[in-house]
C-alpha atoms as a PDB file:
ATOM      1  CA  MET A   1     -36.577  24.207  90.279  1.00  0.00           C
ATOM      2  CA  PHE A   2     -34.159  21.791  91.965  1.00  0.00           C
ATOM      3  CA  SER A   3     -34.307  21.323  95.707  1.00  0.00           C
ATOM      4  CA  ASN A   4     -31.243  21.017  97.928  1.00  0.00           C
ATOM      5  CA  ALA A   5     -32.151  17.397  98.677  1.00  0.00           C
ATOM      6  CA  LEU A   6     -32.322  16.524  94.983  1.00  0.00           C
ATOM      7  CA  VAL A   7     -28.989  18.198  94.298  1.00  0.00           C
ATOM      8  CA  GLN A   8     -27.297  16.358  97.167  1.00  0.00           C
ATOM      9  CA  VAL A   9     -28.677  12.974  96.139  1.00  0.00           C
ATOM     10  CA  GLY A  10     -27.668  13.683  92.547  1.00  0.00           C
ATOM     11  CA  LEU A  11     -24.110  14.543  93.616  1.00  0.00           C
ATOM     12  CA  LEU A  12     -23.846  11.410  95.736  1.00  0.00           C
ATOM     13  CA  PHE A  13     -25.135   9.108  92.994  1.00  0.00           C
ATOM     14  CA  GLY A  14     -22.976  10.922  90.425  1.00  0.00           C
ATOM     15  CA  GLY A  15     -19.890  10.443  92.578  1.00  0.00           C
ATOM     16  CA  CYS A  16     -20.812   6.799  93.096  1.00  0.00           C
ATOM     17  CA  LEU A  17     -21.137   6.213  89.349  1.00  0.00           C
ATOM     18  CA  PHE A  18     -17.887   8.051  88.647  1.00  0.00           C
ATOM     19  CA  CYS A  19     -15.964   5.924  91.149  1.00  0.00           C
ATOM     20  CA  LEU A  20     -17.411   2.734  89.667  1.00  0.00           C
ATOM     21  CA  VAL A  21     -16.391   3.805  86.153  1.00  0.00           C
ATOM     22  CA  ILE A  22     -12.874   4.552  87.418  1.00  0.00           C
ATOM     23  CA  ALA A  23     -12.745   1.149  89.125  1.00  0.00           C
ATOM     24  CA  LEU A  24     -13.829  -0.545  85.892  1.00  0.00           C
ATOM     25  CA  CYS A  25     -11.190   1.328  83.876  1.00  0.00           C
ATOM     26  CA  MET A  26      -8.508   0.309  86.351  1.00  0.00           C
ATOM     27  CA  TYR A  27      -9.678  -3.313  86.337  1.00  0.00           C
ATOM     28  CA  LEU A  28      -9.456  -3.469  82.547  1.00  0.00           C
ATOM     29  CA  SER A  29      -6.104  -1.685  82.339  1.00  0.00           C
ATOM     30  CA  ASP A  30      -2.767  -3.495  82.440  1.00  0.00           C
ATOM     31  CA  ASN A  31      -0.624  -0.351  82.620  1.00  0.00           C
ATOM     32  CA  PHE A  32      -0.874   0.019  86.400  1.00  0.00           C
ATOM     33  CA  ASP A  33       1.428  -1.548  88.934  1.00  0.00           C
ATOM     34  CA  SER A  34      -0.530  -4.579  90.184  1.00  0.00           C
ATOM     35  CA  LYS A  35      -0.363  -3.778  93.921  1.00  0.00           C
ATOM     36  CA  LYS A  36      -1.031  -0.068  93.581  1.00  0.00           C
ATOM     37  CA  ARG A  37      -3.875  -0.791  91.179  1.00  0.00           C
ATOM     38  CA  LYS A  38      -5.437  -3.267  93.603  1.00  0.00           C
ATOM     39  CA  TRP A  39      -5.519  -0.814  96.516  1.00  0.00           C
ATOM     40  CA  LEU A  40      -6.702   2.128  94.442  1.00  0.00           C
ATOM     41  CA  LEU A  41      -9.358  -0.045  92.798  1.00  0.00           C
ATOM     42  CA  LEU A  42     -10.621  -1.169  96.232  1.00  0.00           C
ATOM     43  CA  MET A  43     -10.696   2.443  97.404  1.00  0.00           C
ATOM     44  CA  GLN A  44     -12.785   3.413  94.390  1.00  0.00           C
ATOM     45  CA  VAL A  45     -15.225   0.524  94.878  1.00  0.00           C
ATOM     46  CA  PHE A  46     -15.728   1.129  98.602  1.00  0.00           C
ATOM     47  CA  THR A  47     -16.000   4.886  98.074  1.00  0.00           C
ATOM     48  CA  ALA A  48     -18.722   4.178  95.524  1.00  0.00           C
ATOM     49  CA  MET A  49     -20.489   2.039  98.145  1.00  0.00           C
ATOM     50  CA  LEU A  50     -20.032   4.828 100.703  1.00  0.00           C
ATOM     51  CA  LEU A  51     -21.626   7.444  98.449  1.00  0.00           C
ATOM     52  CA  PHE A  52     -24.398   5.042  97.446  1.00  0.00           C
ATOM     53  CA  SER A  53     -25.212   4.270 101.090  1.00  0.00           C
ATOM     54  CA  ASP A  54     -25.180   7.968 101.970  1.00  0.00           C
ATOM     55  CA  ALA A  55     -27.588   8.709  99.119  1.00  0.00           C
ATOM     56  CA  PHE A  56     -29.989   6.001 100.298  1.00  0.00           C
ATOM     57  CA  ALA A  57     -29.756   7.237 103.876  1.00  0.00           C
ATOM     58  CA  TYR A  58     -30.730  10.689 102.660  1.00  0.00           C
ATOM     59  CA  ILE A  59     -33.567   9.462 100.421  1.00  0.00           C
ATOM     60  CA  PHE A  60     -35.221   7.273 103.045  1.00  0.00           C
ATOM     61  CA  ARG A  61     -34.839   9.498 106.106  1.00  0.00           C
ATOM     62  CA  GLY A  62     -38.267  10.015 107.610  1.00  0.00           C
ATOM     63  CA  TYR A  63     -39.671   7.267 105.364  1.00  0.00           C
ATOM     64  CA  PRO A  64     -42.505   5.473 107.232  1.00  0.00           C
ATOM     65  CA  GLY A  65     -42.883   1.741 107.683  1.00  0.00           C
ATOM     66  CA  MET A  66     -40.519  -1.172 108.138  1.00  0.00           C
ATOM     67  CA  VAL A  67     -38.874  -0.703 104.722  1.00  0.00           C
ATOM     68  CA  GLY A  68     -37.811   2.821 105.548  1.00  0.00           C
ATOM     69  CA  TYR A  69     -36.742   1.778 109.028  1.00  0.00           C
ATOM     70  CA  TYR A  70     -34.362  -0.938 107.840  1.00  0.00           C
ATOM     71  CA  ILE A  71     -32.977   0.985 104.856  1.00  0.00           C
ATOM     72  CA  VAL A  72     -32.190   4.048 106.976  1.00  0.00           C
ATOM     73  CA  HIS A  73     -30.586   1.991 109.719  1.00  0.00           C
ATOM     74  CA  ILE A  74     -28.528  -0.157 107.346  1.00  0.00           C
ATOM     75  CA  SER A  75     -27.457   2.702 105.080  1.00  0.00           C
ATOM     76  CA  ASN A  76     -26.310   4.891 107.979  1.00  0.00           C
ATOM     77  CA  PHE A  77     -24.455   1.960 109.490  1.00  0.00           C
ATOM     78  CA  MET A  78     -22.708   1.356 106.167  1.00  0.00           C
ATOM     79  CA  VAL A  79     -21.748   5.028 105.857  1.00  0.00           C
ATOM     80  CA  PHE A  80     -19.863   4.981 109.164  1.00  0.00           C
ATOM     81  CA  VAL A  81     -18.253   1.570 108.573  1.00  0.00           C
ATOM     82  CA  LEU A  82     -17.211   2.280 104.985  1.00  0.00           C
ATOM     83  CA  SER A  83     -15.525   5.531 106.015  1.00  0.00           C
ATOM     84  CA  ASP A  84     -13.126   3.499 108.152  1.00  0.00           C
ATOM     85  CA  VAL A  85     -12.710   0.825 105.472  1.00  0.00           C
ATOM     86  CA  VAL A  86     -11.742   3.420 102.857  1.00  0.00           C
ATOM     87  CA  MET A  87      -9.240   4.942 105.284  1.00  0.00           C
ATOM     88  CA  PHE A  88      -7.654   1.505 105.789  1.00  0.00           C
ATOM     89  CA  PHE A  89      -7.209   0.998 102.038  1.00  0.00           C
ATOM     90  CA  PHE A  90      -5.851   4.532 101.710  1.00  0.00           C
ATOM     91  CA  ASN A  91      -3.214   3.767 104.330  1.00  0.00           C
ATOM     92  CA  VAL A  92      -2.117   0.620 102.478  1.00  0.00           C
ATOM     93  CA  TYR A  93      -2.149   2.546  99.181  1.00  0.00           C
ATOM     94  CA  VAL A  94       0.126   5.213 100.669  1.00  0.00           C
ATOM     95  CA  CYS A  95       2.500   2.533 101.969  1.00  0.00           C
ATOM     96  CA  SER A  96       2.644   0.886  98.535  1.00  0.00           C
ATOM     97  CA  TYR A  97       4.078   4.130  97.147  1.00  0.00           C
ATOM     98  CA  LEU A  98       6.317   5.161 100.029  1.00  0.00           C
ATOM     99  CA  PHE A  99       7.981   1.850 100.846  1.00  0.00           C
ATOM    100  CA  ALA A 100       9.458  -1.162  99.109  1.00  0.00           C
ATOM    101  CA  ASN A 101       7.876  -4.589  99.560  1.00  0.00           C
ATOM    102  CA  GLY A 102       7.441  -5.384 103.242  1.00  0.00           C
ATOM    103  CA  GLU A 103       9.408  -2.340 104.420  1.00  0.00           C
ATOM    104  CA  TRP A 104       6.306  -0.610 105.774  1.00  0.00           C
ATOM    105  CA  LYS A 105       5.700  -3.477 108.227  1.00  0.00           C
ATOM    106  CA  SER A 106       8.675  -2.355 110.307  1.00  0.00           C
ATOM    107  CA  ILE A 107       7.146   1.098 110.887  1.00  0.00           C
ATOM    108  CA  ARG A 108       4.712   1.160 113.794  1.00  0.00           C
ATOM    109  CA  ARG A 109       2.688   4.075 112.489  1.00  0.00           C
ATOM    110  CA  THR A 110       1.555   2.106 109.445  1.00  0.00           C
ATOM    111  CA  LYS A 111       0.175  -0.652 111.669  1.00  0.00           C
ATOM    112  CA  SER A 112      -1.430   1.817 114.070  1.00  0.00           C
ATOM    113  CA  VAL A 113      -3.711   3.105 111.306  1.00  0.00           C
ATOM    114  CA  SER A 114      -5.027  -0.436 110.809  1.00  0.00           C
ATOM    115  CA  TYR A 115      -5.737  -0.687 114.539  1.00  0.00           C
ATOM    116  CA  ILE A 116      -7.490   2.694 114.486  1.00  0.00           C
ATOM    117  CA  CYS A 117      -9.712   1.547 111.618  1.00  0.00           C
ATOM    118  CA  ALA A 118     -10.564  -1.659 113.474  1.00  0.00           C
ATOM    119  CA  ILE A 119     -11.445   0.332 116.605  1.00  0.00           C
ATOM    120  CA  GLY A 120     -13.581   2.679 114.520  1.00  0.00           C
ATOM    121  CA  ILE A 121     -15.558  -0.184 112.987  1.00  0.00           C
ATOM    122  CA  GLY A 122     -15.969  -1.775 116.420  1.00  0.00           C
ATOM    123  CA  LEU A 123     -17.388   1.448 117.864  1.00  0.00           C
ATOM    124  CA  VAL A 124     -19.818   1.748 114.945  1.00  0.00           C
ATOM    125  CA  ILE A 125     -21.130  -1.724 115.769  1.00  0.00           C
ATOM    126  CA  ILE A 126     -21.388  -0.825 119.465  1.00  0.00           C
ATOM    127  CA  SER A 127     -23.236   2.374 118.588  1.00  0.00           C
ATOM    128  CA  GLN A 128     -26.018   0.325 116.985  1.00  0.00           C
ATOM    129  CA  PHE A 129     -26.944  -0.890 120.460  1.00  0.00           C
ATOM    130  CA  THR A 130     -26.008   2.164 122.546  1.00  0.00           C
ATOM    131  CA  ASN A 131     -26.804   5.110 120.223  1.00  0.00           C
ATOM    132  CA  LEU A 132     -23.248   6.297 120.812  1.00  0.00           C
ATOM    133  CA  TYR A 133     -22.947   8.149 117.501  1.00  0.00           C
ATOM    134  CA  TYR A 134     -26.538   8.749 116.451  1.00  0.00           C
ATOM    135  CA  TYR A 135     -30.149   7.750 116.980  1.00  0.00           C
ATOM    136  CA  PHE A 136     -33.455   7.777 115.099  1.00  0.00           C
ATOM    137  CA  ASP A 137     -36.624   9.407 116.333  1.00  0.00           C
ATOM    138  CA  ALA A 138     -40.143   7.992 116.043  1.00  0.00           C
ATOM    139  CA  ASP A 139     -40.464   9.450 112.531  1.00  0.00           C
ATOM    140  CA  ASN A 140     -37.336   7.628 111.358  1.00  0.00           C
ATOM    141  CA  PHE A 141     -35.197  10.776 111.185  1.00  0.00           C
ATOM    142  CA  TYR A 142     -31.455  10.590 111.862  1.00  0.00           C
ATOM    143  CA  HIS A 143     -30.021  12.685 114.721  1.00  0.00           C
ATOM    144  CA  ARG A 144     -26.469  13.044 116.000  1.00  0.00           C
ATOM    145  CA  ASN A 145     -25.748  11.973 119.536  1.00  0.00           C
ATOM    146  CA  THR A 146     -23.176  13.183 122.032  1.00  0.00           C
ATOM    147  CA  GLY A 147     -20.586  10.625 120.935  1.00  0.00           C
ATOM    148  CA  TYR A 148     -20.707  11.711 117.283  1.00  0.00           C
ATOM    149  CA  ILE A 149     -17.471  13.664 117.684  1.00  0.00           C
ATOM    150  CA  ILE A 150     -15.672  10.347 118.334  1.00  0.00           C
ATOM    151  CA  SER A 151     -16.638   9.135 114.863  1.00  0.00           C
ATOM    152  CA  LEU A 152     -14.789  12.172 113.486  1.00  0.00           C
ATOM    153  CA  LEU A 153     -11.744  12.018 115.757  1.00  0.00           C
ATOM    154  CA  ILE A 154     -10.978   8.387 114.892  1.00  0.00           C
ATOM    155  CA  PRO A 155     -10.483   8.932 111.125  1.00  0.00           C
ATOM    156  CA  VAL A 156      -8.765  12.261 111.840  1.00  0.00           C
ATOM    157  CA  ALA A 157      -6.189  10.379 113.943  1.00  0.00           C
ATOM    158  CA  GLY A 158      -5.580   7.932 111.091  1.00  0.00           C
ATOM    159  CA  MET A 159      -5.304  10.730 108.532  1.00  0.00           C
ATOM    160  CA  LEU A 160      -2.797  12.652 110.645  1.00  0.00           C
ATOM    161  CA  ILE A 161      -0.631   9.542 110.957  1.00  0.00           C
ATOM    162  CA  ASP A 162      -0.728   9.086 107.172  1.00  0.00           C
ATOM    163  CA  LEU A 163       0.101  12.770 106.800  1.00  0.00           C
ATOM    164  CA  SER A 164       3.193  12.341 108.980  1.00  0.00           C
ATOM    165  CA  LEU A 165       4.295   9.433 106.765  1.00  0.00           C
ATOM    166  CA  LEU A 166       3.764  11.454 103.600  1.00  0.00           C
ATOM    167  CA  ILE A 167       5.774  14.370 104.937  1.00  0.00           C
ATOM    168  CA  GLN A 168       8.613  12.225 106.304  1.00  0.00           C
ATOM    169  CA  PHE A 169       9.003  10.132 103.142  1.00  0.00           C
ATOM    170  CA  ARG A 170       8.042  12.858 100.695  1.00  0.00           C
ATOM    171  CA  LYS A 171      11.079  12.195  98.490  1.00  0.00           C
ATOM    172  CA  ASN A 172       9.897   8.676  97.703  1.00  0.00           C
ATOM    173  CA  ILE A 173       6.996   9.867  95.537  1.00  0.00           C
ATOM    174  CA  ARG A 174       6.488  12.433  92.794  1.00  0.00           C
ATOM    175  CA  LYS A 175       4.754  15.737  93.429  1.00  0.00           C
ATOM    176  CA  LYS A 176       1.438  14.934  91.713  1.00  0.00           C
ATOM    177  CA  ILE A 177       1.013  11.704  93.661  1.00  0.00           C
ATOM    178  CA  PHE A 178       1.858  13.505  96.902  1.00  0.00           C
ATOM    179  CA  LEU A 179      -0.708  16.246  96.250  1.00  0.00           C
ATOM    180  CA  SER A 180      -3.416  13.755  95.277  1.00  0.00           C
ATOM    181  CA  MET A 181      -2.873  11.797  98.487  1.00  0.00           C
ATOM    182  CA  LEU A 182      -2.828  15.022 100.435  1.00  0.00           C
ATOM    183  CA  SER A 183      -6.265  15.851  99.010  1.00  0.00           C
ATOM    184  CA  TYR A 184      -7.740  12.784 100.757  1.00  0.00           C
ATOM    185  CA  ILE A 185      -6.519  14.189 104.077  1.00  0.00           C
ATOM    186  CA  VAL A 186      -7.063  17.919 103.648  1.00  0.00           C
ATOM    187  CA  LEU A 187     -10.462  17.947 101.901  1.00  0.00           C
ATOM    188  CA  PRO A 188     -12.276  15.687 104.428  1.00  0.00           C
ATOM    189  CA  LEU A 189     -10.701  17.559 107.353  1.00  0.00           C
ATOM    190  CA  VAL A 190     -11.925  20.879 105.998  1.00  0.00           C
ATOM    191  CA  ALA A 191     -15.330  19.336 105.234  1.00  0.00           C
ATOM    192  CA  ALA A 192     -15.541  17.881 108.762  1.00  0.00           C
ATOM    193  CA  ALA A 193     -14.798  21.291 110.279  1.00  0.00           C
ATOM    194  CA  VAL A 194     -17.525  22.888 108.167  1.00  0.00           C
ATOM    195  CA  GLN A 195     -20.007  20.060 108.678  1.00  0.00           C
ATOM    196  CA  THR A 196     -19.622  20.254 112.452  1.00  0.00           C
ATOM    197  CA  PHE A 197     -21.444  23.587 112.326  1.00  0.00           C
ATOM    198  CA  TRP A 198     -23.378  23.235 109.065  1.00  0.00           C
ATOM    199  CA  TYR A 199     -25.108  19.891 109.197  1.00  0.00           C
ATOM    200  CA  GLY A 200     -27.348  18.724 106.390  1.00  0.00           C
ATOM    201  CA  VAL A 201     -24.973  18.281 103.450  1.00  0.00           C
ATOM    202  CA  SER A 202     -22.677  15.255 103.102  1.00  0.00           C
ATOM    203  CA  LEU A 203     -19.562  17.346 102.626  1.00  0.00           C
ATOM    204  CA  ILE A 204     -17.163  14.770 104.108  1.00  0.00           C
ATOM    205  CA  ASN A 205     -18.227  11.908 101.861  1.00  0.00           C
ATOM    206  CA  LEU A 206     -18.391  14.133  98.783  1.00  0.00           C
ATOM    207  CA  SER A 207     -14.875  15.389  99.527  1.00  0.00           C
ATOM    208  CA  ILE A 208     -13.669  11.775  99.745  1.00  0.00           C
ATOM    209  CA  GLY A 209     -15.187  11.129  96.321  1.00  0.00           C
ATOM    210  CA  ILE A 210     -13.386  14.173  94.909  1.00  0.00           C
ATOM    211  CA  ALA A 211     -10.096  12.994  96.433  1.00  0.00           C
ATOM    212  CA  MET A 212     -10.583   9.606  94.742  1.00  0.00           C
ATOM    213  CA  ILE A 213     -10.825  11.358  91.375  1.00  0.00           C
ATOM    214  CA  PHE A 214      -7.628  13.302  92.069  1.00  0.00           C
ATOM    215  CA  MET A 215      -5.780  10.133  93.066  1.00  0.00           C
ATOM    216  CA  TYR A 216      -6.923   8.308  89.942  1.00  0.00           C
ATOM    217  CA  ILE A 217      -5.797  11.159  87.689  1.00  0.00           C
ATOM    218  CA  ALA A 218      -2.422  11.382  89.444  1.00  0.00           C
ATOM    219  CA  SER A 219      -1.976   7.613  89.389  1.00  0.00           C
ATOM    220  CA  THR A 220      -2.771   7.473  85.666  1.00  0.00           C
ATOM    221  CA  GLY A 221      -0.207  10.197  85.006  1.00  0.00           C
ATOM    222  CA  GLU A 222       2.345   8.348  87.126  1.00  0.00           C
ATOM    223  CA  GLN A 223       1.827   5.086  85.265  1.00  0.00           C
ATOM    224  CA  ASN A 224       2.048   6.850  81.884  1.00  0.00           C
ATOM    225  CA  TRP A 225       5.313   8.451  82.978  1.00  0.00           C
ATOM    226  CA  GLU A 226       6.704   5.086  84.073  1.00  0.00           C
ATOM    227  CA  MET A 227       5.645   3.514  80.760  1.00  0.00           C
ATOM    228  CA  TYR A 228       7.380   6.353  78.895  1.00  0.00           C
ATOM    229  CA  GLN A 229      10.564   5.807  80.895  1.00  0.00           C
ATOM    230  CA  LEU A 230      10.479   2.077  80.147  1.00  0.00           C
ATOM    231  CA  LEU A 231       9.893   2.747  76.451  1.00  0.00           C
ATOM    232  CA  LYS A 232      12.705   5.304  76.417  1.00  0.00           C
ATOM    233  CA  LYS A 233      15.043   2.880  78.146  1.00  0.00           C
ATOM    234  CA  LYS A 234      14.071   0.122  75.721  1.00  0.00           C
ATOM    235  CA  THR A 235      14.811   2.408  72.768  1.00  0.00           C
ATOM    236  CA  GLU A 236      18.215   3.321  74.198  1.00  0.00           C
ATOM    237  CA  ILE A 237      19.049  -0.342  74.754  1.00  0.00           C
ATOM    238  CA  GLU A 238      18.005  -1.201  71.196  1.00  0.00           C
ATOM    239  CA  GLU A 239      20.174   1.626  69.834  1.00  0.00           C
ATOM    240  CA  ARG A 240      23.170   0.483  71.852  1.00  0.00           C
ATOM    241  CA  LEU A 241      22.609  -3.096  70.747  1.00  0.00           C
ATOM    242  CA  SER A 242      22.403  -1.987  67.116  1.00  0.00           C
ATOM    243  CA  ILE A 243      25.652  -0.036  67.427  1.00  0.00           C
ATOM    244  CA  SER A 244      27.351  -2.954  69.155  1.00  0.00           C
ATOM    245  CA  MET A 245      26.246  -5.376  66.441  1.00  0.00           C
ATOM    246  CA  THR A 246      27.417  -2.967  63.739  1.00  0.00           C
ATOM    247  CA  LEU A 247      30.829  -2.630  65.382  1.00  0.00           C
ATOM    248  CA  ASN A 248      31.052  -6.410  65.417  1.00  0.00           C
ATOM    249  CA  GLN A 249      30.218  -6.387  61.710  1.00  0.00           C
ATOM    250  CA  PHE A 250      32.992  -3.832  61.160  1.00  0.00           C
ATOM    251  CA  VAL A 251      35.519  -6.100  62.846  1.00  0.00           C
ATOM    252  CA  LYS A 252      34.247  -9.095  60.883  1.00  0.00           C
ATOM    253  CA  ALA A 253      34.432  -7.161  57.578  1.00  0.00           C
ATOM    254  CA  LEU A 254      37.990  -5.984  58.209  1.00  0.00           C
ATOM    255  CA  SER A 255      39.093  -9.528  58.964  1.00  0.00           C
ATOM    256  CA  SER A 256      37.085 -11.126  56.170  1.00  0.00           C
ATOM    257  CA  ASP A 257      39.908 -11.200  53.600  1.00  0.00           C
ATOM    258  CA  VAL A 258      43.668 -11.218  53.587  1.00  0.00           C
ATOM    259  CA  ASP A 259      43.555  -8.563  50.869  1.00  0.00           C
ATOM    260  CA  ILE A 260      43.198  -5.268  52.745  1.00  0.00           C
ATOM    261  CA  ASP A 261      41.500  -3.614  49.777  1.00  0.00           C
ATOM    262  CA  VAL A 262      38.791  -6.268  49.685  1.00  0.00           C
ATOM    263  CA  ALA A 263      38.411  -6.083  53.481  1.00  0.00           C
ATOM    264  CA  ILE A 264      37.968  -2.295  53.404  1.00  0.00           C
ATOM    265  CA  ASP A 265      35.427  -2.635  50.594  1.00  0.00           C
ATOM    266  CA  ASN A 266      33.473  -5.084  52.777  1.00  0.00           C
ATOM    267  CA  LEU A 267      33.684  -2.565  55.643  1.00  0.00           C
ATOM    268  CA  LEU A 268      32.253   0.210  53.473  1.00  0.00           C
ATOM    269  CA  GLY A 269      29.459  -2.172  52.487  1.00  0.00           C
ATOM    270  CA  VAL A 270      28.559  -2.514  56.197  1.00  0.00           C
ATOM    271  CA  VAL A 271      28.608   1.306  56.521  1.00  0.00           C
ATOM    272  CA  ASN A 272      26.176   1.554  53.597  1.00  0.00           C
ATOM    273  CA  GLU A 273      23.877  -0.989  55.167  1.00  0.00           C
ATOM    274  CA  TYR A 274      23.877   0.712  58.594  1.00  0.00           C
ATOM    275  CA  PHE A 275      23.162   4.203  57.261  1.00  0.00           C
ATOM    276  CA  LYS A 276      20.958   2.888  54.411  1.00  0.00           C
ATOM    277  CA  GLY A 277      23.131   4.729  51.897  1.00  0.00           C
ATOM    278  CA  ASP A 278      23.896   4.139  48.226  1.00  0.00           C
ATOM    279  CA  ARG A 279      27.614   4.861  48.363  1.00  0.00           C
ATOM    280  CA  SER A 280      30.383   5.173  50.901  1.00  0.00           C
ATOM    281  CA  TYR A 281      33.889   6.551  50.429  1.00  0.00           C
ATOM    282  CA  ILE A 282      37.232   6.891  52.147  1.00  0.00           C
ATOM    283  CA  PHE A 283      39.168  10.066  51.339  1.00  0.00           C
ATOM    284  CA  ASP A 284      42.822  10.731  52.078  1.00  0.00           C
ATOM    285  CA  ILE A 285      43.436  14.395  52.920  1.00  0.00           C
ATOM    286  CA  SER A 286      46.979  15.670  52.322  1.00  0.00           C
ATOM    287  CA  GLU A 287      48.966  17.021  55.248  1.00  0.00           C
ATOM    288  CA  ASP A 288      48.743  20.580  53.933  1.00  0.00           C
ATOM    289  CA  GLY A 289      44.984  20.191  53.487  1.00  0.00           C
ATOM    290  CA  LYS A 290      45.080  21.292  49.864  1.00  0.00           C
ATOM    291  CA  THR A 291      44.258  18.012  48.154  1.00  0.00           C
ATOM    292  CA  ILE A 292      41.845  15.158  48.757  1.00  0.00           C
ATOM    293  CA  GLN A 293      42.279  11.741  47.180  1.00  0.00           C
ATOM    294  CA  ASN A 294      39.452   9.197  46.910  1.00  0.00           C
ATOM    295  CA  THR A 295      41.248   6.027  48.005  1.00  0.00           C
ATOM    296  CA  TYR A 296      38.293   3.647  48.482  1.00  0.00           C
ATOM    297  CA  GLU A 297      34.647   3.580  47.508  1.00  0.00           C
ATOM    298  CA  HIS A 298      31.798   1.120  47.697  1.00  0.00           C
ATOM    299  CA  VAL A 299      28.692   1.465  45.536  1.00  0.00           C
ATOM    300  CA  ASN A 300      25.660  -0.731  46.138  1.00  0.00           C
ATOM    301  CA  GLU A 301      24.612  -3.048  43.349  1.00  0.00           C
ATOM    302  CA  GLY A 302      22.296  -1.403  40.819  1.00  0.00           C
ATOM    303  CA  ILE A 303      23.332   2.159  41.724  1.00  0.00           C
END
């Protein structure tokens, strides 16, 4: 029978592996927009590191000796730092969709998220010396400290700023992309609210991993749609070019001979070639509509 600890570690490692596979697929694919791919790929890689660190922190909690001591300390440190790093890349990823090149730099809110992430990482470093966020007892077990709520409020502030950007510039992105980005904000916020009272399961980090899957699926659909539009546009251009070239051939055929009968025969030859037909005709319909006279015809050689 599986224990809760085994299930949690399995979910964390599974999410880590899934994010790495997604990152590899994105790295090998050329269908994605280069900038959007870069930021989403970095989010997937650092989310994988986040889930991996969280799994190790869970495995080695209470582990005796110096090995357990260092692994628990390092892994917990990485969990808090990587949460802010992922949020930074998410902010840049959102901006890459909402704004044209460089346009986002003129909006203060986009820069403020970067500052918030930097402050968050700085406080994590400070907490290693002050136990601001958490501490470890003599048995190497992790415990929250009074300042733990700050570690939640900092990313919440960044997420709310990104949410305001998404809502304000909603028309700049398609619905599926909007919903996938919204999942990164909503799911961790809900998980944080639950985890505040029900500690013991890494709901926040697991919800981030789930959001990464949603964003990858939406991004893949978006890129496929853009490729379809490009292919459709290319086909339309080729059709127009073909028609234009055929019209030029018509003009050339009509002016190819001083004898109008020969010129019209050349024209019907072009019609045959365009429609891949065997024969083409010109009929003269009488004014009363009762008779039809075959005035010209062109039959391909060998027909």
